[in-house]
């Protein structure tokens, strides 16, 4: 399940992209967040390939 996080300023962006957690499967720290690039979270992501 995904959690939607809405950011409305640059301080929020900075805090989100610098937050990382250690992943044992990768043996390194990684961000748990991904940027979708769409303003509407309900928009379906469908590949154009």
PDB file of N, CA and C in Angstrom:
ATOM      1  N   UNK A   1       0.835  -1.166   0.000  1.00  0.00           N
ATOM      2  CA  UNK A   1       0.000   0.000   0.000  1.00  0.00           C
ATOM      3  C   UNK A   1       0.885   1.237   0.000  1.00  0.00           C
ATOM      4  N   UNK A   2       0.513   2.215  -0.778  1.00  0.00           N
ATOM      5  CA  UNK A   2       1.276   3.441  -0.898  1.00  0.00           C
ATOM      6  C   UNK A   2       0.635   4.553  -0.092  1.00  0.00           C
ATOM      7  N   UNK A   3       1.464   5.413   0.438  1.00  0.00           N
ATOM      8  CA  UNK A   3       0.992   6.565   1.191  1.00  0.00           C
ATOM      9  C   UNK A   3       1.247   7.804   0.337  1.00  0.00           C
ATOM     10  N   UNK A   4       0.233   8.620   0.144  1.00  0.00           N
ATOM     11  CA  UNK A   4       0.377   9.844  -0.620  1.00  0.00           C
ATOM     12  C   UNK A   4       0.838  10.962   0.303  1.00  0.00           C
ATOM     13  N   UNK A   5       1.903  11.633  -0.110  1.00  0.00           N
ATOM     14  CA  UNK A   5       2.432  12.767   0.641  1.00  0.00           C
ATOM     15  C   UNK A   5       2.366  13.978  -0.275  1.00  0.00           C
ATOM     16  N   UNK A   6       1.671  15.008   0.155  1.00  0.00           N
ATOM     17  CA  UNK A   6       1.563  16.226  -0.639  1.00  0.00           C
ATOM     18  C   UNK A   6       2.512  17.265  -0.053  1.00  0.00           C
ATOM     19  N   UNK A   7       3.363  17.798  -0.903  1.00  0.00           N
ATOM     20  CA  UNK A   7       4.356  18.782  -0.487  1.00  0.00           C
ATOM     21  C   UNK A   7       4.018  20.102  -1.170  1.00  0.00           C
ATOM     22  N   UNK A   8       3.975  21.165  -0.385  1.00  0.00           N
ATOM     23  CA  UNK A   8       3.600  22.454  -0.968  1.00  0.00           C
ATOM     24  C   UNK A   8       4.678  23.529  -0.852  1.00  0.00           C
ATOM     25  N   UNK A   9       5.896  23.121  -0.460  1.00  0.00           N
ATOM     26  CA  UNK A   9       6.991  24.090  -0.402  1.00  0.00           C
ATOM     27  C   UNK A   9       8.332  23.362  -0.506  1.00  0.00           C
ATOM     28  N   UNK A  10       9.385  24.129  -0.714  1.00  0.00           N
ATOM     29  CA  UNK A  10      10.714  23.544  -0.905  1.00  0.00           C
ATOM     30  C   UNK A  10      11.274  22.904   0.362  1.00  0.00           C
ATOM     31  N   UNK A  11      10.877  23.384   1.526  1.00  0.00           N
ATOM     32  CA  UNK A  11      11.333  22.757   2.770  1.00  0.00           C
ATOM     33  C   UNK A  11      10.813  21.326   2.859  1.00  0.00           C
ATOM     34  N   UNK A  12       9.592  21.114   2.424  1.00  0.00           N
ATOM     35  CA  UNK A  12       9.021  19.771   2.408  1.00  0.00           C
ATOM     36  C   UNK A  12       9.741  18.857   1.440  1.00  0.00           C
ATOM     37  N   UNK A  13      10.118  19.384   0.284  1.00  0.00           N
ATOM     38  CA  UNK A  13      10.866  18.603  -0.708  1.00  0.00           C
ATOM     39  C   UNK A  13      12.218  18.191  -0.128  1.00  0.00           C
ATOM     40  N   UNK A  14      12.912  19.150   0.462  1.00  0.00           N
ATOM     41  CA  UNK A  14      14.231  18.872   1.035  1.00  0.00           C
ATOM     42  C   UNK A  14      14.154  17.809   2.127  1.00  0.00           C
ATOM     43  N   UNK A  15      13.180  17.928   3.006  1.00  0.00           N
ATOM     44  CA  UNK A  15      13.039  16.951   4.091  1.00  0.00           C
ATOM     45  C   UNK A  15      12.741  15.561   3.546  1.00  0.00           C
ATOM     46  N   UNK A  16      11.920  15.493   2.515  1.00  0.00           N
ATOM     47  CA  UNK A  16      11.525  14.196   1.969  1.00  0.00           C
ATOM     48  C   UNK A  16      12.667  13.508   1.231  1.00  0.00           C
ATOM     49  N   UNK A  17      13.394  14.250   0.405  1.00  0.00           N
ATOM     50  CA  UNK A  17      14.430  13.596  -0.400  1.00  0.00           C
ATOM     51  C   UNK A  17      15.683  13.251   0.397  1.00  0.00           C
ATOM     52  N   UNK A  18      15.863  13.865   1.563  1.00  0.00           N
ATOM     53  CA  UNK A  18      17.034  13.519   2.371  1.00  0.00           C
ATOM     54  C   UNK A  18      16.737  12.422   3.393  1.00  0.00           C
ATOM     55  N   UNK A  19      15.467  12.048   3.538  1.00  0.00           N
ATOM     56  CA  UNK A  19      15.101  10.967   4.465  1.00  0.00           C
ATOM     57  C   UNK A  19      15.421   9.628   3.819  1.00  0.00           C
ATOM     58  N   UNK A  20      16.278   8.854   4.458  1.00  0.00           N
ATOM     59  CA  UNK A  20      16.661   7.553   3.927  1.00  0.00           C
ATOM     60  C   UNK A  20      16.677   6.523   5.039  1.00  0.00           C
ATOM     61  N   UNK A  21      16.488   5.281   4.655  1.00  0.00           N
ATOM     62  CA  UNK A  21      16.530   4.171   5.605  1.00  0.00           C
ATOM     63  C   UNK A  21      17.433   3.074   5.053  1.00  0.00           C
ATOM     64  N   UNK A  22      18.031   2.341   5.975  1.00  0.00           N
ATOM     65  CA  UNK A  22      18.910   1.246   5.569  1.00  0.00           C
ATOM     66  C   UNK A  22      18.085   0.079   5.062  1.00  0.00           C
ATOM     67  N   UNK A  23      18.448  -0.440   3.883  1.00  0.00           N
ATOM     68  CA  UNK A  23      17.782  -1.613   3.317  1.00  0.00           C
ATOM     69  C   UNK A  23      18.761  -2.772   3.300  1.00  0.00           C
ATOM     70  N   UNK A  24      18.439  -3.792   4.081  1.00  0.00           N
ATOM     71  CA  UNK A  24      19.319  -4.968   4.155  1.00  0.00           C
ATOM     72  C   UNK A  24      19.459  -5.655   2.803  1.00  0.00           C
ATOM     73  N   UNK A  25      18.368  -5.691   2.022  1.00  0.00           N
ATOM     74  CA  UNK A  25      18.417  -6.384   0.738  1.00  0.00           C
ATOM     75  C   UNK A  25      19.394  -5.715  -0.243  1.00  0.00           C
ATOM     76  N   UNK A  26      19.623  -4.424  -0.101  1.00  0.00           N
ATOM     77  CA  UNK A  26      20.567  -3.708  -0.958  1.00  0.00           C
ATOM     78  C   UNK A  26      21.898  -3.433  -0.266  1.00  0.00           C
ATOM     79  N   UNK A  27      21.929  -3.632   1.039  1.00  0.00           N
ATOM     80  CA  UNK A  27      23.103  -3.365   1.857  1.00  0.00           C
ATOM     81  C   UNK A  27      23.534  -1.895   1.761  1.00  0.00           C
ATOM     82  N   UNK A  28      22.535  -1.002   1.734  1.00  0.00           N
ATOM     83  CA  UNK A  28      22.806   0.434   1.679  1.00  0.00           C
ATOM     84  C   UNK A  28      21.573   1.241   2.053  1.00  0.00           C
ATOM     85  N   UNK A  29      21.773   2.523   2.245  1.00  0.00           N
ATOM     86  CA  UNK A  29      20.667   3.416   2.558  1.00  0.00           C
ATOM     87  C   UNK A  29      19.981   3.848   1.264  1.00  0.00           C
ATOM     88  N   UNK A  30      18.677   3.916   1.307  1.00  0.00           N
ATOM     89  CA  UNK A  30      17.887   4.350   0.158  1.00  0.00           C
ATOM     90  C   UNK A  30      16.678   5.135   0.636  1.00  0.00           C
ATOM     91  N   UNK A  31      16.218   6.018  -0.220  1.00  0.00           N
ATOM     92  CA  UNK A  31      14.997   6.756   0.058  1.00  0.00           C
ATOM     93  C   UNK A  31      13.809   5.808  -0.090  1.00  0.00           C
ATOM     94  N   UNK A  32      12.818   5.970   0.756  1.00  0.00           N
ATOM     95  CA  UNK A  32      11.616   5.138   0.669  1.00  0.00           C
ATOM     96  C   UNK A  32      10.537   5.803  -0.169  1.00  0.00           C
ATOM     97  N   UNK A  33      10.858   6.945  -0.752  1.00  0.00           N
ATOM     98  CA  UNK A  33       9.863   7.721  -1.483  1.00  0.00           C
ATOM     99  C   UNK A  33      10.150   7.704  -2.964  1.00  0.00           C
ATOM    100  N   UNK A  34       9.102   7.878  -3.741  1.00  0.00           N
ATOM    101  CA  UNK A  34       9.286   8.020  -5.180  1.00  0.00           C
ATOM    102  C   UNK A  34       8.431   9.179  -5.667  1.00  0.00           C
ATOM    103  N   UNK A  35       8.928   9.857  -6.661  1.00  0.00           N
ATOM    104  CA  UNK A  35       8.205  10.976  -7.232  1.00  0.00           C
ATOM    105  C   UNK A  35       7.425  10.495  -8.428  1.00  0.00           C
ATOM    106  N   UNK A  36       6.161  10.770  -8.420  1.00  0.00           N
ATOM    107  CA  UNK A  36       5.287  10.297  -9.466  1.00  0.00           C
ATOM    108  C   UNK A  36       5.238  11.246 -10.641  1.00  0.00           C
ATOM    109  N   UNK A  37       5.388  12.531 -10.397  1.00  0.00           N
ATOM    110  CA  UNK A  37       5.407  13.496 -11.479  1.00  0.00           C
ATOM    111  C   UNK A  37       4.043  13.912 -11.982  1.00  0.00           C
ATOM    112  N   UNK A  38       3.007  13.595 -11.262  1.00  0.00           N
ATOM    113  CA  UNK A  38       1.646  13.970 -11.671  1.00  0.00           C
ATOM    114  C   UNK A  38       0.979  14.724 -10.529  1.00  0.00           C
ATOM    115  N   UNK A  39       0.249  15.794 -10.835  1.00  0.00           N
ATOM    116  CA  UNK A  39      -0.407  16.554  -9.779  1.00  0.00           C
ATOM    117  C   UNK A  39      -1.629  15.860  -9.188  1.00  0.00           C
ATOM    118  N   UNK A  40      -2.160  14.858  -9.885  1.00  0.00           N
ATOM    119  CA  UNK A  40      -3.352  14.155  -9.432  1.00  0.00           C
ATOM    120  C   UNK A  40      -2.992  12.710  -9.101  1.00  0.00           C
ATOM    121  N   UNK A  41      -3.060  12.344  -7.833  1.00  0.00           N
ATOM    122  CA  UNK A  41      -2.679  10.990  -7.404  1.00  0.00           C
ATOM    123  C   UNK A  41      -3.637   9.924  -7.935  1.00  0.00           C
ATOM    124  N   UNK A  42      -4.830  10.315  -8.377  1.00  0.00           N
ATOM    125  CA  UNK A  42      -5.803   9.356  -8.911  1.00  0.00           C
ATOM    126  C   UNK A  42      -5.536   9.006 -10.376  1.00  0.00           C
ATOM    127  N   UNK A  43      -4.656   9.731 -11.031  1.00  0.00           N
ATOM    128  CA  UNK A  43      -4.354   9.474 -12.433  1.00  0.00           C
ATOM    129  C   UNK A  43      -3.654   8.127 -12.554  1.00  0.00           C
ATOM    130  N   UNK A  44      -4.149   7.277 -13.433  1.00  0.00           N
ATOM    131  CA  UNK A  44      -3.568   5.952 -13.622  1.00  0.00           C
ATOM    132  C   UNK A  44      -2.273   6.036 -14.412  1.00  0.00           C
ATOM    133  N   UNK A  45      -1.283   5.285 -13.979  1.00  0.00           N
ATOM    134  CA  UNK A  45      -0.018   5.236 -14.705  1.00  0.00           C
ATOM    135  C   UNK A  45      -0.079   4.069 -15.686  1.00  0.00           C
ATOM    136  N   UNK A  46      -0.039   4.401 -16.973  1.00  0.00           N
ATOM    137  CA  UNK A  46      -0.091   3.388 -18.015  1.00  0.00           C
ATOM    138  C   UNK A  46       1.090   3.621 -18.930  1.00  0.00           C
ATOM    139  N   UNK A  47       1.860   2.583 -19.188  1.00  0.00           N
ATOM    140  CA  UNK A  47       3.032   2.712 -20.047  1.00  0.00           C
ATOM    141  C   UNK A  47       2.618   3.046 -21.472  1.00  0.00           C
ATOM    142  N   UNK A  48       3.456   3.810 -22.141  1.00  0.00           N
ATOM    143  CA  UNK A  48       3.196   4.144 -23.540  1.00  0.00           C
ATOM    144  C   UNK A  48       3.960   3.232 -24.478  1.00  0.00           C
ATOM    145  N   UNK A  49       4.674   2.273 -23.921  1.00  0.00           N
ATOM    146  CA  UNK A  49       5.438   1.347 -24.771  1.00  0.00           C
ATOM    147  C   UNK A  49       4.540   0.333 -25.426  1.00  0.00           C
TER     148      UNK A  49
END
